[in-house]
Amino acid sequence: MSRYVLVETKGPADGGDYAFELGRQLRELEHDVTVYLLQDGVFTARRTYKAGAALVEDARRSGVNVLADAVSLRQRGVLGDRVASGVSVAEMDQLAELLMEQSDKAIWH
């Protein structure tokens, strides 16, 4: 079993479902998967965005961990209760730790 970090920089309207679909497929193969939302990818974490909410819910059901970058969230006004349940807010040092110490493979999209 491998540990994957999938960094998603695009929102759902721009092809940002890629990491979620790949993550679901990897979980079906029993790999550990974390999706890290960065830049415009954090729009997926917006609680009231239906396309994003569906992706987050599917990830939760599949056992995919979803993190969203705190700086990207702040820059786009997605703060506090605007962040969907099932999404954890993370700092860049957590991404660095995931990439360097807690994953076997990383894919940046």
N, C-alpha and C. Protein backbone atom coordinates (compact mmCIF):
# COMPACT_ATOMS: atom_id res chain seq x y z
N MET A 1 0.84 -1.18 0.00
CA MET A 1 0.00 0.00 0.00
C MET A 1 0.89 1.24 0.00
N SER A 2 0.60 2.16 -0.90
CA SER A 2 1.35 3.41 -1.00
C SER A 2 0.56 4.56 -0.37
N ARG A 3 1.30 5.63 -0.06
CA ARG A 3 0.69 6.85 0.48
C ARG A 3 0.83 7.94 -0.56
N TYR A 4 -0.31 8.46 -1.01
CA TYR A 4 -0.34 9.47 -2.07
C TYR A 4 -0.75 10.82 -1.51
N VAL A 5 -0.12 11.88 -2.03
CA VAL A 5 -0.56 13.25 -1.82
C VAL A 5 -0.91 13.79 -3.20
N LEU A 6 -2.15 14.22 -3.36
CA LEU A 6 -2.62 14.77 -4.62
C LEU A 6 -2.89 16.25 -4.38
N VAL A 7 -2.11 17.11 -5.00
CA VAL A 7 -2.25 18.55 -4.84
C VAL A 7 -3.12 19.05 -5.98
N GLU A 8 -4.25 19.65 -5.62
CA GLU A 8 -5.19 20.15 -6.62
C GLU A 8 -5.21 21.67 -6.59
N THR A 9 -4.88 22.30 -7.72
CA THR A 9 -4.82 23.76 -7.80
C THR A 9 -5.98 24.35 -8.60
N LYS A 10 -6.84 23.51 -9.12
CA LYS A 10 -7.95 23.99 -9.94
C LYS A 10 -9.28 23.75 -9.23
N GLY A 11 -10.22 24.66 -9.46
CA GLY A 11 -11.56 24.48 -8.92
C GLY A 11 -12.35 23.51 -9.77
N PRO A 12 -13.49 23.03 -9.27
CA PRO A 12 -14.29 22.06 -10.00
C PRO A 12 -14.70 22.52 -11.41
N ALA A 13 -14.92 23.79 -11.60
CA ALA A 13 -15.33 24.30 -12.91
C ALA A 13 -14.20 24.28 -13.93
N ASP A 14 -12.96 24.14 -13.46
CA ASP A 14 -11.79 24.16 -14.34
C ASP A 14 -11.05 22.83 -14.38
N GLY A 15 -11.72 21.74 -14.08
CA GLY A 15 -11.07 20.43 -14.11
C GLY A 15 -10.52 19.99 -12.78
N GLY A 16 -10.92 20.64 -11.71
CA GLY A 16 -10.39 20.33 -10.39
C GLY A 16 -10.96 19.09 -9.74
N ASP A 17 -11.72 18.32 -10.50
CA ASP A 17 -12.21 17.05 -9.97
C ASP A 17 -11.19 15.93 -10.18
N TYR A 18 -10.12 16.21 -10.91
CA TYR A 18 -9.12 15.20 -11.25
C TYR A 18 -8.55 14.51 -10.00
N ALA A 19 -8.09 15.28 -9.03
CA ALA A 19 -7.49 14.70 -7.83
C ALA A 19 -8.50 13.86 -7.05
N PHE A 20 -9.74 14.30 -7.05
CA PHE A 20 -10.77 13.56 -6.31
C PHE A 20 -11.09 12.23 -6.99
N GLU A 21 -11.19 12.24 -8.30
CA GLU A 21 -11.46 11.00 -9.03
C GLU A 21 -10.29 10.03 -8.89
N LEU A 22 -9.07 10.53 -9.06
CA LEU A 22 -7.90 9.70 -8.90
C LEU A 22 -7.80 9.18 -7.46
N GLY A 23 -8.07 10.05 -6.51
CA GLY A 23 -8.04 9.65 -5.10
C GLY A 23 -9.02 8.54 -4.80
N ARG A 24 -10.22 8.63 -5.35
CA ARG A 24 -11.22 7.58 -5.16
C ARG A 24 -10.73 6.25 -5.73
N GLN A 25 -10.15 6.31 -6.93
CA GLN A 25 -9.64 5.09 -7.57
C GLN A 25 -8.50 4.48 -6.76
N LEU A 26 -7.62 5.32 -6.24
CA LEU A 26 -6.50 4.83 -5.42
C LEU A 26 -7.00 4.21 -4.11
N ARG A 27 -8.03 4.81 -3.51
CA ARG A 27 -8.60 4.24 -2.29
C ARG A 27 -9.21 2.87 -2.56
N GLU A 28 -9.83 2.71 -3.73
CA GLU A 28 -10.39 1.40 -4.09
C GLU A 28 -9.30 0.34 -4.15
N LEU A 29 -8.07 0.78 -4.45
CA LEU A 29 -6.92 -0.13 -4.46
C LEU A 29 -6.23 -0.19 -3.10
N GLU A 30 -6.86 0.41 -2.10
CA GLU A 30 -6.43 0.38 -0.70
C GLU A 30 -5.17 1.19 -0.40
N HIS A 31 -4.94 2.25 -1.18
CA HIS A 31 -3.84 3.17 -0.89
C HIS A 31 -4.35 4.27 0.05
N ASP A 32 -3.45 4.86 0.82
CA ASP A 32 -3.77 6.03 1.63
C ASP A 32 -3.68 7.26 0.73
N VAL A 33 -4.69 8.13 0.81
CA VAL A 33 -4.74 9.28 -0.09
C VAL A 33 -5.11 10.54 0.68
N THR A 34 -4.34 11.61 0.44
CA THR A 34 -4.67 12.94 0.93
C THR A 34 -4.73 13.87 -0.28
N VAL A 35 -5.83 14.61 -0.39
CA VAL A 35 -5.96 15.66 -1.40
C VAL A 35 -5.69 16.98 -0.69
N TYR A 36 -4.72 17.74 -1.20
CA TYR A 36 -4.38 19.05 -0.64
C TYR A 36 -4.83 20.10 -1.64
N LEU A 37 -5.81 20.91 -1.24
CA LEU A 37 -6.34 21.97 -2.10
C LEU A 37 -5.49 23.23 -1.95
N LEU A 38 -5.06 23.75 -3.08
CA LEU A 38 -4.16 24.90 -3.11
C LEU A 38 -4.61 25.85 -4.20
N GLN A 39 -4.32 27.12 -4.06
CA GLN A 39 -4.70 28.15 -5.03
C GLN A 39 -6.20 28.06 -5.30
N ASP A 40 -6.63 28.07 -6.57
CA ASP A 40 -8.06 28.04 -6.87
C ASP A 40 -8.72 26.72 -6.50
N GLY A 41 -7.92 25.71 -6.21
CA GLY A 41 -8.48 24.44 -5.76
C GLY A 41 -9.28 24.56 -4.48
N VAL A 42 -9.01 25.61 -3.67
CA VAL A 42 -9.74 25.76 -2.41
C VAL A 42 -11.20 26.13 -2.62
N PHE A 43 -11.58 26.56 -3.81
CA PHE A 43 -13.00 26.82 -4.05
C PHE A 43 -13.83 25.56 -3.85
N THR A 44 -13.22 24.41 -4.02
CA THR A 44 -13.90 23.14 -3.76
C THR A 44 -14.31 23.04 -2.30
N ALA A 45 -13.56 23.67 -1.42
CA ALA A 45 -13.82 23.61 0.02
C ALA A 45 -14.90 24.58 0.48
N ARG A 46 -15.43 25.37 -0.41
CA ARG A 46 -16.47 26.34 -0.03
C ARG A 46 -17.78 25.60 0.24
N ARG A 47 -18.28 25.74 1.42
CA ARG A 47 -19.45 25.00 1.90
C ARG A 47 -20.65 25.12 0.98
N THR A 48 -20.90 26.28 0.41
CA THR A 48 -22.11 26.50 -0.39
C THR A 48 -21.92 26.22 -1.88
N TYR A 49 -20.76 25.75 -2.27
CA TYR A 49 -20.49 25.46 -3.68
C TYR A 49 -20.87 24.00 -3.94
N LYS A 50 -21.99 23.79 -4.62
CA LYS A 50 -22.55 22.44 -4.77
C LYS A 50 -21.59 21.46 -5.44
N ALA A 51 -20.90 21.90 -6.49
CA ALA A 51 -19.96 20.99 -7.17
C ALA A 51 -18.84 20.58 -6.23
N GLY A 52 -18.36 21.52 -5.45
CA GLY A 52 -17.30 21.21 -4.48
C GLY A 52 -17.80 20.33 -3.36
N ALA A 53 -19.00 20.62 -2.87
CA ALA A 53 -19.57 19.82 -1.78
C ALA A 53 -19.72 18.36 -2.18
N ALA A 54 -20.12 18.12 -3.43
CA ALA A 54 -20.26 16.75 -3.91
C ALA A 54 -18.90 16.04 -3.93
N LEU A 55 -17.86 16.74 -4.36
CA LEU A 55 -16.52 16.15 -4.38
C LEU A 55 -16.03 15.83 -2.97
N VAL A 56 -16.25 16.77 -2.05
CA VAL A 56 -15.81 16.56 -0.67
C VAL A 56 -16.57 15.39 -0.03
N GLU A 57 -17.86 15.31 -0.28
CA GLU A 57 -18.65 14.21 0.28
C GLU A 57 -18.21 12.88 -0.30
N ASP A 58 -17.97 12.81 -1.60
CA ASP A 58 -17.48 11.57 -2.21
C ASP A 58 -16.12 11.17 -1.62
N ALA A 59 -15.27 12.17 -1.39
CA ALA A 59 -13.96 11.90 -0.80
C ALA A 59 -14.12 11.32 0.60
N ARG A 60 -15.00 11.92 1.37
CA ARG A 60 -15.24 11.43 2.74
C ARG A 60 -15.72 9.99 2.71
N ARG A 61 -16.69 9.69 1.84
CA ARG A 61 -17.22 8.32 1.75
C ARG A 61 -16.15 7.33 1.32
N SER A 62 -15.21 7.79 0.48
CA SER A 62 -14.15 6.90 -0.02
C SER A 62 -12.99 6.76 0.95
N GLY A 63 -12.93 7.62 1.96
CA GLY A 63 -11.82 7.58 2.91
C GLY A 63 -10.63 8.42 2.49
N VAL A 64 -10.86 9.38 1.59
CA VAL A 64 -9.81 10.30 1.16
C VAL A 64 -9.79 11.48 2.12
N ASN A 65 -8.61 11.80 2.65
CA ASN A 65 -8.43 12.95 3.54
C ASN A 65 -8.32 14.22 2.69
N VAL A 66 -9.07 15.27 3.04
CA VAL A 66 -9.04 16.52 2.28
C VAL A 66 -8.55 17.66 3.16
N LEU A 67 -7.48 18.30 2.71
CA LEU A 67 -6.91 19.48 3.38
C LEU A 67 -6.99 20.66 2.43
N ALA A 68 -7.17 21.85 2.99
CA ALA A 68 -7.19 23.08 2.18
C ALA A 68 -6.18 24.07 2.76
N ASP A 69 -5.41 24.67 1.89
CA ASP A 69 -4.37 25.61 2.29
C ASP A 69 -4.97 26.88 2.90
N ALA A 70 -4.52 27.22 4.10
CA ALA A 70 -5.06 28.35 4.84
C ALA A 70 -4.85 29.68 4.11
N VAL A 71 -3.69 29.89 3.54
CA VAL A 71 -3.42 31.14 2.83
C VAL A 71 -4.32 31.27 1.60
N SER A 72 -4.44 30.20 0.83
CA SER A 72 -5.30 30.23 -0.35
C SER A 72 -6.75 30.48 0.03
N LEU A 73 -7.19 29.87 1.14
CA LEU A 73 -8.56 30.10 1.61
C LEU A 73 -8.77 31.58 1.97
N ARG A 74 -7.83 32.15 2.74
CA ARG A 74 -7.94 33.56 3.14
C ARG A 74 -7.96 34.47 1.92
N GLN A 75 -7.09 34.22 0.96
CA GLN A 75 -7.01 35.06 -0.24
C GLN A 75 -8.31 35.05 -1.03
N ARG A 76 -9.08 33.99 -0.92
CA ARG A 76 -10.32 33.84 -1.68
C ARG A 76 -11.56 34.03 -0.82
N GLY A 77 -11.38 34.45 0.42
CA GLY A 77 -12.50 34.76 1.29
C GLY A 77 -13.28 33.57 1.79
N VAL A 78 -12.66 32.41 1.79
CA VAL A 78 -13.32 31.20 2.28
C VAL A 78 -12.80 30.97 3.70
N LEU A 79 -13.52 31.51 4.67
CA LEU A 79 -13.06 31.51 6.06
C LEU A 79 -14.13 30.95 6.99
N GLY A 80 -13.69 30.46 8.12
CA GLY A 80 -14.60 30.04 9.19
C GLY A 80 -15.65 29.05 8.74
N ASP A 81 -16.92 29.43 8.95
CA ASP A 81 -18.00 28.51 8.64
C ASP A 81 -18.27 28.40 7.14
N ARG A 82 -17.53 29.12 6.33
CA ARG A 82 -17.65 28.98 4.87
C ARG A 82 -16.92 27.73 4.36
N VAL A 83 -16.05 27.17 5.20
CA VAL A 83 -15.30 25.97 4.83
C VAL A 83 -16.19 24.75 5.08
N ALA A 84 -16.30 23.89 4.09
CA ALA A 84 -17.16 22.70 4.18
C ALA A 84 -16.70 21.76 5.27
N SER A 85 -17.65 21.10 5.90
CA SER A 85 -17.28 20.05 6.84
C SER A 85 -16.64 18.93 6.03
N GLY A 86 -15.70 18.28 6.62
CA GLY A 86 -14.96 17.25 5.89
C GLY A 86 -13.67 17.77 5.30
N VAL A 87 -13.45 19.09 5.39
CA VAL A 87 -12.21 19.70 4.90
C VAL A 87 -11.47 20.28 6.10
N SER A 88 -10.21 19.91 6.25
CA SER A 88 -9.37 20.46 7.32
C SER A 88 -8.50 21.57 6.76
N VAL A 89 -8.42 22.67 7.48
CA VAL A 89 -7.57 23.79 7.08
C VAL A 89 -6.14 23.45 7.49
N ALA A 90 -5.20 23.65 6.56
CA ALA A 90 -3.80 23.29 6.81
C ALA A 90 -2.88 24.42 6.39
N GLU A 91 -1.74 24.46 7.00
CA GLU A 91 -0.70 25.43 6.66
C GLU A 91 0.29 24.78 5.68
N MET A 92 1.08 25.60 5.03
CA MET A 92 2.03 25.11 4.04
C MET A 92 3.06 24.15 4.64
N ASP A 93 3.40 24.33 5.91
CA ASP A 93 4.35 23.40 6.52
C ASP A 93 3.79 21.99 6.59
N GLN A 94 2.48 21.87 6.70
CA GLN A 94 1.86 20.54 6.70
C GLN A 94 1.99 19.90 5.32
N LEU A 95 1.84 20.70 4.25
CA LEU A 95 2.04 20.17 2.91
C LEU A 95 3.49 19.71 2.73
N ALA A 96 4.43 20.52 3.20
CA ALA A 96 5.84 20.14 3.10
C ALA A 96 6.10 18.82 3.83
N GLU A 97 5.53 18.69 5.01
CA GLU A 97 5.67 17.45 5.78
C GLU A 97 5.06 16.25 5.04
N LEU A 98 3.89 16.46 4.47
CA LEU A 98 3.25 15.39 3.69
C LEU A 98 4.14 14.97 2.52
N LEU A 99 4.65 15.96 1.79
CA LEU A 99 5.45 15.66 0.61
C LEU A 99 6.78 15.01 0.95
N MET A 100 7.42 15.48 2.01
CA MET A 100 8.77 15.03 2.32
C MET A 100 8.82 13.79 3.21
N GLU A 101 7.85 13.64 4.11
CA GLU A 101 7.95 12.59 5.12
C GLU A 101 6.79 11.60 5.15
N GLN A 102 5.62 12.03 4.69
CA GLN A 102 4.45 11.19 4.92
C GLN A 102 3.80 10.67 3.63
N SER A 103 4.53 10.65 2.53
CA SER A 103 3.96 10.13 1.31
C SER A 103 5.04 9.39 0.52
N ASP A 104 4.58 8.46 -0.29
CA ASP A 104 5.46 7.75 -1.19
C ASP A 104 5.43 8.37 -2.58
N LYS A 105 4.27 8.94 -2.92
CA LYS A 105 4.08 9.50 -4.26
C LYS A 105 3.24 10.77 -4.17
N ALA A 106 3.61 11.74 -5.00
CA ALA A 106 2.86 13.00 -5.04
C ALA A 106 2.53 13.33 -6.48
N ILE A 107 1.32 13.86 -6.68
CA ILE A 107 0.88 14.28 -8.01
C ILE A 107 0.32 15.69 -7.86
N TRP A 108 0.83 16.60 -8.69
CA TRP A 108 0.42 18.00 -8.63
C TRP A 108 -0.41 18.31 -9.86
N HIS A 109 -1.64 18.80 -9.65
CA HIS A 109 -2.53 19.10 -10.78
C HIS A 109 -3.05 20.51 -10.65
